[in-house]
Amino acid sequence: MKRYIETNRNRFFEELFSLLRIPSVSAKAEHKPDMYFCAQRLCELLLEAGADSADIYETAGNPVVFGQKIIDPSLRTVLVYGHYDVQPAEPLEKWRTDPFEPVIAPDATGQDAIWARGANDDKGQLFMHIKAFEYLVSTGRLRHNVKFLFEGEEEIGSPSLPAWIKAHKKMLAADICLVSDTTMISEKVPSINCGMRGLSYLEVKVTGPNKDLHSGHYGGAVANPIQVLCEMISQLFDADGRVAVPGFYDKVVELSRADRRMLARAPFDLKEYKDFLGVRELRGEKGYTPLERTGIRPCLDVCGIWGGYTGEGAKTVLPSEAHAKISMRLVPNQLSSEITRLFAKHFKSIAPKYVKVEVTPCEGGDGFLIPIGSSAYKAASRAIAEVYGIEPVPARGGGSIAVLAEVQKILGIDPLLLGFGLERDTIHSPNESYLLSQLFRGMESIARFYDYW
């Protein structure tokens, strides 16, 4: 496929850039028209690549793109999943380039990369599948039926997709779900994720007085909701860095020493890790390595907190309300709905009498594991080993693709997480990028997977 990539390189850039220029931000209602523009463009690209059909389907939220090429119903069928929605680009002032005007430029190591929102997550990665498919069709090498499912709500928890999948279960029937929406350990040490964490994401609101108050007239006599919220958050952890919500760990399965040794095969340089993040020390659950904390252990993080006056200058106000957004990453066996319920019960129980507390669930999904002894995993491992020159390491993904657990349950097929992103790509942050070398090696690896499975 290297020759095919080189011959079509400029066309590939033009096509990918046409997707990256569309601000398909699912978190903002104002971008609803952009969701349809992006879905339509994906349909065009699928048809141009050789799909028999590609259509837009309505859901309760943003549209779904479904395309397919059926060669022979008796052959194995691959369902390719991806998402075309992207995270908001804010804060815009921290971008070095326009987030929705992609450019190719060197990164800090001198390697060329595409810089844009969605360059990696997930437009760049789903684009690899379209081009690998195009290559297989154009060269007559395709020996599988291929179906494509691209959604527009992954970044907001895929609220509409499970119901749509249930309603179209027969149409989506496949033998495996192939996904590129994850990262590798590094470009030199490739890996395949054999599981991902689940998610419980919610918002809390603490209310004190019935209006904002003058801090001079009332400070010291009335509870400040911001201070109370901070005190309550501090009670969510114990001295060993464990989450202090009763029942939180009840269903967490402790990995055996053998499993932990297998995961420890992944190379890890502590100094390089800290230097990359710009921190002097790390913090986390006692008794686990940094990679274990982000892969096999659950955690709780405050993702946003606000209240009172935060504008320029001073305003001496004792606020009426304080808010926080809280994310809990969960491991397999922890059910998102149960953890959300346990958190809400506990958070309300630790609230002092001088405030009122509300807990509002926002999004969630369960974690999952995939067998590393399957023929599909072995085919992917062989493909990556040939492209990278080294056998990939099995790893656990710290992030969440909540809907994949639903795919596993509803369709009865395992996801295969064939991701080519890198931590240096800073997805969800300003200056998201994707190395050209990873883009092209991803295309080649995916094409070889079809050869070997």
Protein backbone atom coordinates (compact mmCIF):
# COMPACT_ATOMS: atom_id res chain seq x y z
CA MET A 1 0.00 0.00 0.00
CA LYS A 2 3.00 2.33 0.38
CA ARG A 3 3.03 3.01 -3.36
CA TYR A 4 -0.73 3.69 -3.38
CA ILE A 5 -0.33 6.18 -0.53
CA GLU A 6 2.54 7.96 -2.25
CA THR A 7 0.62 8.18 -5.56
CA ASN A 8 -2.52 9.56 -3.88
CA ARG A 9 -0.92 11.51 -1.05
CA ASN A 10 -2.06 15.00 -2.10
CA ARG A 11 -5.60 13.81 -2.83
CA PHE A 12 -5.75 12.19 0.60
CA PHE A 13 -4.79 15.50 2.21
CA GLU A 14 -7.45 17.41 0.27
CA GLU A 15 -10.14 14.92 1.23
CA LEU A 16 -9.18 14.76 4.91
CA PHE A 17 -8.90 18.54 5.10
CA SER A 18 -12.43 18.85 3.69
CA LEU A 19 -13.62 17.00 6.81
CA LEU A 20 -11.40 18.88 9.24
CA ARG A 21 -12.66 22.24 8.02
CA ILE A 22 -16.21 21.42 9.16
CA PRO A 23 -16.69 22.49 12.82
CA SER A 24 -18.78 19.47 13.78
CA VAL A 25 -18.87 20.25 17.51
CA SER A 26 -21.59 18.08 19.03
CA ALA A 27 -21.52 19.90 22.39
CA LYS A 28 -22.90 23.11 20.84
CA ALA A 29 -26.40 23.32 19.37
CA GLU A 30 -25.28 26.10 17.02
CA HIS A 31 -23.25 23.51 15.07
CA LYS A 32 -26.22 21.29 14.24
CA PRO A 33 -26.04 22.21 10.52
CA ASP A 34 -22.34 21.33 10.52
CA MET A 35 -23.16 17.82 11.71
CA TYR A 36 -25.20 17.27 8.54
CA PHE A 37 -22.53 18.85 6.33
CA CYS A 38 -19.93 16.49 7.78
CA ALA A 39 -22.20 13.45 7.50
CA GLN A 40 -22.90 14.26 3.86
CA ARG A 41 -19.20 14.64 3.11
CA LEU A 42 -18.51 11.24 4.66
CA CYS A 43 -21.17 9.67 2.47
CA GLU A 44 -19.47 11.16 -0.59
CA LEU A 45 -16.06 9.84 0.46
CA LEU A 46 -17.42 6.34 1.13
CA LEU A 47 -19.10 6.16 -2.27
CA GLU A 48 -15.97 7.46 -4.01
CA ALA A 49 -13.93 4.82 -2.17
CA GLY A 50 -16.09 2.01 -3.55
CA ALA A 51 -18.99 1.50 -1.13
CA ASP A 52 -22.19 0.12 -2.67
CA SER A 53 -24.24 2.55 -0.61
CA ALA A 54 -23.77 5.30 1.96
CA ASP A 55 -26.67 7.11 3.59
CA ILE A 56 -27.53 9.49 6.40
CA TYR A 57 -29.88 8.15 9.07
CA GLU A 58 -31.74 10.30 11.56
CA THR A 59 -31.49 9.62 15.28
CA ALA A 60 -32.93 11.37 18.31
CA GLY A 61 -29.82 13.55 18.15
CA ASN A 62 -27.18 13.97 15.45
CA PRO A 63 -27.29 11.91 12.25
CA VAL A 64 -25.57 8.57 11.71
CA VAL A 65 -23.70 7.66 8.53
CA PHE A 66 -24.03 4.05 7.41
CA GLY A 67 -22.31 2.67 4.33
CA GLN A 68 -21.48 -0.81 3.15
CA LYS A 69 -20.04 -3.06 0.50
CA ILE A 70 -21.32 -6.62 0.49
CA ILE A 71 -19.24 -8.96 -1.66
CA ASP A 72 -20.70 -12.27 -0.50
CA PRO A 73 -23.00 -12.80 2.52
CA SER A 74 -21.07 -15.97 3.35
CA LEU A 75 -17.83 -14.03 3.94
CA ARG A 76 -16.75 -12.46 7.22
CA THR A 77 -18.15 -8.98 7.82
CA VAL A 78 -16.25 -6.10 9.43
CA LEU A 79 -18.18 -3.24 11.02
CA VAL A 80 -16.00 -0.11 11.12
CA TYR A 81 -17.00 2.32 13.86
CA GLY A 82 -15.87 5.94 14.11
CA HIS A 83 -17.19 9.36 15.07
CA TYR A 84 -17.17 12.60 13.12
CA ASP A 85 -18.04 14.95 15.96
CA VAL A 86 -15.21 16.82 17.68
CA GLN A 87 -14.55 18.56 20.97
CA PRO A 88 -15.03 22.33 21.26
CA ALA A 89 -11.85 24.15 20.22
CA GLU A 90 -11.85 26.59 23.14
CA PRO A 91 -9.70 28.19 24.49
CA LEU A 92 -9.08 29.57 21.00
CA GLU A 93 -6.29 31.91 22.12
CA LYS A 94 -4.08 28.91 22.92
CA TRP A 95 -4.13 27.56 19.37
CA ARG A 96 -1.11 28.40 17.24
CA THR A 97 -3.22 27.96 14.09
CA ASP A 98 -6.92 28.12 13.21
CA PRO A 99 -8.38 24.90 14.68
CA PHE A 100 -10.65 24.45 11.66
CA GLU A 101 -8.15 25.34 8.98
CA PRO A 102 -5.79 22.35 8.90
CA VAL A 103 -2.11 22.82 8.18
CA ILE A 104 0.85 20.49 7.84
CA ALA A 105 3.83 21.60 9.90
CA PRO A 106 6.64 20.02 11.94
CA ASP A 107 6.14 19.20 15.60
CA ALA A 108 8.73 19.74 18.34
CA THR A 109 10.70 16.72 17.12
CA GLY A 110 10.75 17.93 13.51
CA GLN A 111 8.22 15.37 12.26
CA ASP A 112 5.46 16.59 9.96
CA ALA A 113 1.97 16.51 11.42
CA ILE A 114 -1.53 17.71 10.58
CA TRP A 115 -2.67 20.40 13.02
CA ALA A 116 -6.43 20.84 13.45
CA ARG A 117 -9.30 19.94 15.72
CA GLY A 118 -10.20 16.35 14.85
CA ALA A 119 -6.87 15.65 13.13
CA ASN A 120 -6.55 12.59 15.37
CA ASP A 121 -9.82 12.35 17.29
CA ASP A 122 -11.47 10.96 15.28
CA LYS A 123 -11.64 12.28 11.72
CA GLY A 124 -8.02 11.46 10.93
CA GLN A 125 -8.32 7.95 12.33
CA LEU A 126 -11.65 7.08 10.67
CA PHE A 127 -10.27 8.47 7.40
CA MET A 128 -7.56 5.77 7.52
CA HIS A 129 -10.27 3.12 7.28
CA ILE A 130 -11.89 4.75 4.26
CA LYS A 131 -8.56 4.89 2.44
CA ALA A 132 -7.51 1.34 3.38
CA PHE A 133 -10.91 0.18 2.11
CA GLU A 134 -10.45 2.20 -1.09
CA TYR A 135 -7.08 0.55 -1.68
CA LEU A 136 -8.47 -2.95 -1.16
CA VAL A 137 -11.41 -2.31 -3.50
CA SER A 138 -9.35 -0.66 -6.23
CA THR A 139 -6.75 -3.45 -6.24
CA GLY A 140 -9.28 -6.28 -6.05
CA ARG A 141 -7.89 -7.49 -2.70
CA LEU A 142 -11.05 -7.09 -0.61
CA ARG A 143 -12.14 -10.48 0.78
CA HIS A 144 -14.59 -9.24 3.40
CA ASN A 145 -17.93 -7.52 3.57
CA VAL A 146 -17.39 -4.10 5.09
CA LYS A 147 -19.90 -1.87 6.88
CA PHE A 148 -19.22 1.64 8.14
CA LEU A 149 -20.95 3.24 11.13
CA PHE A 150 -19.96 6.84 11.80
CA GLU A 151 -21.79 8.73 14.55
CA GLY A 152 -21.94 12.38 15.56
CA GLU A 153 -22.33 12.20 19.34
CA GLU A 154 -19.36 10.28 20.75
CA GLU A 155 -17.90 13.39 22.37
CA ILE A 156 -21.13 13.87 24.35
CA GLY A 157 -21.54 10.24 25.37
CA SER A 158 -23.39 8.78 22.34
CA PRO A 159 -26.86 9.27 23.91
CA SER A 160 -28.79 8.43 20.72
CA LEU A 161 -26.72 5.61 19.26
CA PRO A 162 -27.68 2.57 21.40
CA ALA A 163 -31.36 2.95 20.51
CA TRP A 164 -30.47 3.37 16.83
CA ILE A 165 -28.27 0.27 16.91
CA LYS A 166 -31.10 -1.76 18.48
CA ALA A 167 -33.50 -0.56 15.78
CA HIS A 168 -31.03 -1.50 13.00
CA LYS A 169 -29.53 -4.64 14.56
CA LYS A 170 -30.03 -6.80 11.46
CA MET A 171 -28.51 -4.19 9.13
CA LEU A 172 -25.44 -3.89 11.39
CA ALA A 173 -24.82 -7.63 11.75
CA ALA A 174 -21.07 -8.32 11.59
CA ASP A 175 -18.33 -10.56 12.96
CA ILE A 176 -16.21 -7.84 14.53
CA CYS A 177 -16.27 -4.11 15.20
CA LEU A 178 -13.06 -2.43 14.04
CA VAL A 179 -12.29 0.85 15.80
CA SER A 180 -9.52 3.43 15.48
CA ASP A 181 -10.19 5.98 18.20
CA THR A 182 -7.44 5.13 20.68
CA THR A 183 -3.73 5.67 21.19
CA MET A 184 -0.53 3.65 21.00
CA ILE A 185 2.16 3.64 23.67
CA SER A 186 4.53 5.32 21.23
CA GLU A 187 5.44 5.42 17.56
CA LYS A 188 8.44 3.22 18.37
CA VAL A 189 6.58 0.77 20.61
CA PRO A 190 3.17 0.09 19.06
CA SER A 191 0.35 -1.35 21.14
CA ILE A 192 -3.19 -2.65 20.80
CA ASN A 193 -5.73 -1.77 23.46
CA CYS A 194 -7.39 -4.84 24.92
CA GLY A 195 -9.88 -2.90 27.01
CA MET A 196 -11.15 0.54 27.92
CA ARG A 197 -12.50 2.16 31.03
CA GLY A 198 -16.11 3.14 31.46
CA LEU A 199 -17.38 6.57 32.45
CA SER A 200 -19.75 8.26 34.86
CA TYR A 201 -19.88 12.01 34.25
CA LEU A 202 -22.09 14.30 36.28
CA GLU A 203 -22.57 17.84 37.50
CA VAL A 204 -23.03 18.93 41.09
CA LYS A 205 -24.60 22.14 42.33
CA VAL A 206 -24.27 23.52 45.84
CA THR A 207 -26.68 26.30 46.83
CA GLY A 208 -26.39 28.47 49.95
CA PRO A 209 -28.25 31.78 50.29
CA ASN A 210 -31.09 32.59 47.91
CA LYS A 211 -29.08 35.34 46.20
CA ASP A 212 -25.53 36.62 45.85
CA LEU A 213 -24.54 38.56 48.96
CA HIS A 214 -22.14 41.39 49.81
CA SER A 215 -19.11 39.61 51.27
CA GLY A 216 -18.53 42.46 53.73
CA HIS A 217 -22.08 42.39 55.10
CA TYR A 218 -22.47 38.62 55.25
CA GLY A 219 -18.99 37.07 55.04
CA GLY A 220 -18.24 35.02 58.15
CA ALA A 221 -21.92 34.62 59.03
CA VAL A 222 -23.26 32.74 55.98
CA ALA A 223 -21.75 29.62 54.42
CA ASN A 224 -19.97 30.27 51.12
CA PRO A 225 -21.08 27.59 48.59
CA ILE A 226 -17.70 27.65 46.81
CA GLN A 227 -15.84 26.91 50.03
CA VAL A 228 -18.36 24.23 50.99
CA LEU A 229 -18.06 22.59 47.56
CA CYS A 230 -14.26 22.52 47.85
CA GLU A 231 -14.51 20.97 51.31
CA MET A 232 -16.91 18.32 50.01
CA ILE A 233 -14.66 17.51 47.06
CA SER A 234 -11.69 17.09 49.39
CA GLN A 235 -13.66 14.38 51.21
CA LEU A 236 -13.97 12.30 48.03
CA PHE A 237 -10.42 10.91 48.45
CA ASP A 238 -8.59 9.16 51.26
CA ALA A 239 -4.95 9.54 52.25
CA ASP A 240 -3.88 6.78 49.81
CA GLY A 241 -5.46 8.45 46.80
CA ARG A 242 -8.43 6.06 46.69
CA VAL A 243 -11.96 7.28 45.95
CA ALA A 244 -13.82 7.52 49.28
CA VAL A 245 -17.31 6.81 47.94
CA PRO A 246 -18.73 3.78 49.81
CA GLY A 247 -19.12 0.81 47.46
CA PHE A 248 -16.99 2.36 44.72
CA TYR A 249 -14.49 -0.55 44.64
CA ASP A 250 -16.90 -3.38 45.48
CA LYS A 251 -16.91 -4.83 41.95
CA VAL A 252 -13.38 -3.92 40.92
CA VAL A 253 -11.46 -7.08 40.02
CA GLU A 254 -7.85 -7.07 41.16
CA LEU A 255 -5.53 -8.21 38.37
CA SER A 256 -3.25 -11.14 39.04
CA ARG A 257 0.50 -10.66 39.30
CA ALA A 258 0.86 -12.40 35.94
CA ASP A 259 -1.54 -9.99 34.25
CA ARG A 260 0.21 -7.02 35.82
CA ARG A 261 3.57 -8.32 34.60
CA MET A 262 2.18 -8.66 31.07
CA LEU A 263 0.94 -5.06 31.09
CA ALA A 264 4.27 -3.96 32.56
CA ARG A 265 5.94 -4.99 29.30
CA ALA A 266 4.97 -1.55 28.04
CA PRO A 267 8.04 0.71 28.24
CA PHE A 268 7.69 3.66 30.60
CA ASP A 269 10.16 6.44 31.29
CA LEU A 270 9.11 8.32 34.43
CA LYS A 271 11.32 11.34 33.79
CA GLU A 272 10.17 11.65 30.18
CA TYR A 273 6.55 11.33 31.32
CA LYS A 274 6.92 14.12 33.90
CA ASP A 275 8.86 16.34 31.52
CA PHE A 276 6.19 15.95 28.84
CA LEU A 277 3.50 17.01 31.32
CA GLY A 278 5.57 19.75 32.93
CA VAL A 279 5.14 18.38 36.47
CA ARG A 280 7.72 17.66 39.16
CA GLU A 281 5.93 14.73 40.79
CA LEU A 282 3.01 12.39 40.10
CA ARG A 283 0.07 11.64 42.34
CA GLY A 284 -2.38 8.77 42.39
CA GLU A 285 -3.63 5.64 44.09
CA LYS A 286 -0.99 4.10 46.36
CA GLY A 287 0.43 0.75 45.30
CA TYR A 288 0.04 1.15 41.53
CA THR A 289 2.27 2.41 38.74
CA PRO A 290 1.26 5.41 36.60
CA LEU A 291 0.30 3.13 33.70
CA GLU A 292 -1.78 0.94 36.00
CA ARG A 293 -3.53 3.98 37.46
CA THR A 294 -4.62 5.07 33.99
CA GLY A 295 -5.43 1.61 32.62
CA ILE A 296 -6.59 -0.95 35.19
CA ARG A 297 -7.74 1.26 38.08
CA PRO A 298 -10.77 3.53 38.40
CA CYS A 299 -10.42 7.19 39.33
CA LEU A 300 -12.34 10.38 40.05
CA ASP A 301 -11.48 13.83 38.69
CA VAL A 302 -12.96 17.29 38.96
CA CYS A 303 -13.12 18.49 35.35
CA GLY A 304 -14.51 21.96 35.98
CA ILE A 305 -15.50 24.18 38.91
CA TRP A 306 -17.10 27.60 39.00
CA GLY A 307 -19.15 30.07 41.00
CA GLY A 308 -19.20 33.69 42.09
CA TYR A 309 -17.42 36.40 40.11
CA THR A 310 -14.56 35.42 37.80
CA GLY A 311 -14.39 38.44 35.51
CA GLU A 312 -11.77 41.17 35.37
CA GLY A 313 -11.21 43.24 38.47
CA ALA A 314 -12.81 42.78 41.89
CA LYS A 315 -16.38 42.11 42.93
CA THR A 316 -16.77 41.38 46.63
CA VAL A 317 -19.54 38.84 46.39
CA LEU A 318 -20.50 35.84 48.45
CA PRO A 319 -22.11 33.66 45.78
CA SER A 320 -25.44 31.92 45.99
CA GLU A 321 -24.26 28.88 44.02
CA ALA A 322 -21.20 26.81 43.19
CA HIS A 323 -20.89 24.14 40.51
CA ALA A 324 -18.51 21.36 39.52
CA LYS A 325 -18.30 18.77 36.76
CA ILE A 326 -17.02 15.41 37.94
CA SER A 327 -15.72 12.51 35.88
CA MET A 328 -15.27 8.97 37.16
CA ARG A 329 -13.36 6.53 34.93
CA LEU A 330 -14.48 2.98 35.63
CA VAL A 331 -13.00 -0.46 35.05
CA PRO A 332 -14.88 -3.52 33.78
CA ASN A 333 -17.52 -4.85 36.23
CA GLN A 334 -18.18 -1.36 37.56
CA LEU A 335 -21.56 -0.32 36.14
CA SER A 336 -21.85 3.35 35.24
CA SER A 337 -25.46 3.59 36.45
CA GLU A 338 -24.59 2.03 39.80
CA ILE A 339 -21.52 4.21 40.37
CA THR A 340 -23.55 7.31 39.51
CA ARG A 341 -26.15 6.30 42.09
CA LEU A 342 -23.52 5.58 44.76
CA PHE A 343 -21.80 8.91 44.15
CA ALA A 344 -25.04 10.92 44.30
CA LYS A 345 -26.07 9.23 47.57
CA HIS A 346 -22.66 9.81 49.17
CA PHE A 347 -22.21 13.38 47.97
CA LYS A 348 -25.59 14.39 49.37
CA SER A 349 -24.85 12.60 52.64
CA ILE A 350 -21.69 14.65 53.30
CA ALA A 351 -23.39 17.98 52.61
CA PRO A 352 -23.66 20.22 55.69
CA LYS A 353 -27.11 21.48 56.66
CA TYR A 354 -26.39 25.03 55.58
CA VAL A 355 -26.39 24.20 51.85
CA LYS A 356 -28.56 22.29 49.37
CA VAL A 357 -26.99 19.85 46.92
CA GLU A 358 -28.12 18.66 43.50
CA VAL A 359 -26.42 15.92 41.45
CA THR A 360 -27.26 15.71 37.74
CA PRO A 361 -25.99 12.78 35.62
CA CYS A 362 -24.67 13.95 32.24
CA GLU A 363 -23.28 10.92 30.41
CA GLY A 364 -21.91 7.48 31.09
CA GLY A 365 -21.08 4.02 29.82
CA ASP A 366 -19.51 0.77 30.93
CA GLY A 367 -15.96 -0.41 30.35
CA PHE A 368 -15.08 -3.60 28.50
CA LEU A 369 -12.33 -6.12 27.76
CA ILE A 370 -11.54 -7.98 24.55
CA PRO A 371 -9.81 -11.37 24.19
CA ILE A 372 -6.19 -11.13 23.05
CA GLY A 373 -6.26 -14.75 21.88
CA SER A 374 -8.84 -14.13 19.15
CA SER A 375 -8.02 -14.56 15.48
CA ALA A 376 -8.82 -10.89 14.87
CA TYR A 377 -6.41 -9.71 17.58
CA LYS A 378 -3.69 -11.99 16.21
CA ALA A 379 -4.27 -10.69 12.67
CA ALA A 380 -4.02 -7.10 13.88
CA SER A 381 -0.86 -7.90 15.84
CA ARG A 382 0.73 -9.48 12.77
CA ALA A 383 -0.23 -6.52 10.57
CA ILE A 384 1.20 -3.94 12.97
CA ALA A 385 4.36 -5.99 13.55
CA GLU A 386 5.06 -6.03 9.81
CA VAL A 387 4.47 -2.28 9.40
CA TYR A 388 6.36 -1.16 12.54
CA GLY A 389 8.98 -3.89 12.63
CA ILE A 390 8.14 -4.84 16.22
CA GLU A 391 5.36 -6.87 17.81
CA PRO A 392 2.72 -4.64 19.44
CA VAL A 393 2.24 -4.74 23.21
CA PRO A 394 -1.25 -5.41 24.65
CA ALA A 395 -2.36 -2.40 26.68
CA ARG A 396 -5.38 -1.02 28.51
CA GLY A 397 -6.93 2.24 27.39
CA GLY A 398 -7.52 4.83 30.08
CA GLY A 399 -10.17 6.70 28.12
CA SER A 400 -13.74 5.72 27.34
CA ILE A 401 -15.77 5.03 24.22
CA ALA A 402 -18.98 4.44 26.10
CA VAL A 403 -21.02 3.12 23.20
CA LEU A 404 -18.66 0.21 22.43
CA ALA A 405 -19.89 -1.71 25.46
CA GLU A 406 -23.38 -1.30 24.01
CA VAL A 407 -22.17 -2.54 20.61
CA GLN A 408 -20.72 -5.58 22.35
CA LYS A 409 -24.01 -6.28 24.16
CA ILE A 410 -26.51 -5.51 21.38
CA LEU A 411 -24.69 -6.94 18.36
CA GLY A 412 -22.82 -9.68 20.19
CA ILE A 413 -19.45 -8.81 18.65
CA ASP A 414 -16.17 -7.69 20.19
CA PRO A 415 -14.54 -4.37 19.37
CA LEU A 416 -10.96 -4.47 18.07
CA LEU A 417 -9.20 -1.27 19.11
CA LEU A 418 -6.73 -0.55 16.34
CA GLY A 419 -5.78 3.01 17.28
CA PHE A 420 -2.78 4.95 15.99
CA GLY A 421 -2.97 8.17 18.00
CA LEU A 422 -0.20 9.23 20.36
CA GLU A 423 -0.36 11.10 23.66
CA ARG A 424 1.67 13.88 22.02
CA ASP A 425 -1.32 14.56 19.75
CA THR A 426 -3.02 16.40 22.66
CA ILE A 427 -6.56 15.44 21.69
CA HIS A 428 -9.31 17.48 23.44
CA SER A 429 -6.74 20.25 23.97
CA PRO A 430 -5.56 23.21 21.87
CA ASN A 431 -3.11 22.37 19.05
CA GLU A 432 -4.38 18.86 18.38
CA SER A 433 -2.25 17.13 15.77
CA TYR A 434 -1.62 13.82 14.04
CA LEU A 435 1.73 12.66 12.69
CA LEU A 436 1.72 11.94 8.96
CA SER A 437 3.78 8.84 9.67
CA GLN A 438 1.04 7.51 11.96
CA LEU A 439 -1.69 8.38 9.47
CA PHE A 440 0.01 6.44 6.69
CA ARG A 441 1.20 3.53 8.82
CA GLY A 442 -2.35 3.27 10.13
CA MET A 443 -3.71 2.92 6.60
CA GLU A 444 -1.15 0.24 5.79
CA SER A 445 -1.75 -1.68 9.02
CA ILE A 446 -5.53 -1.68 8.52
CA ALA A 447 -5.17 -2.94 4.94
CA ARG A 448 -2.89 -5.76 6.12
CA PHE A 449 -5.36 -6.69 8.86
CA TYR A 450 -7.91 -7.56 6.16
CA ASP A 451 -5.27 -9.72 4.46
CA TYR A 452 -4.57 -11.73 7.61
CA TRP A 453 -8.04 -12.14 9.11
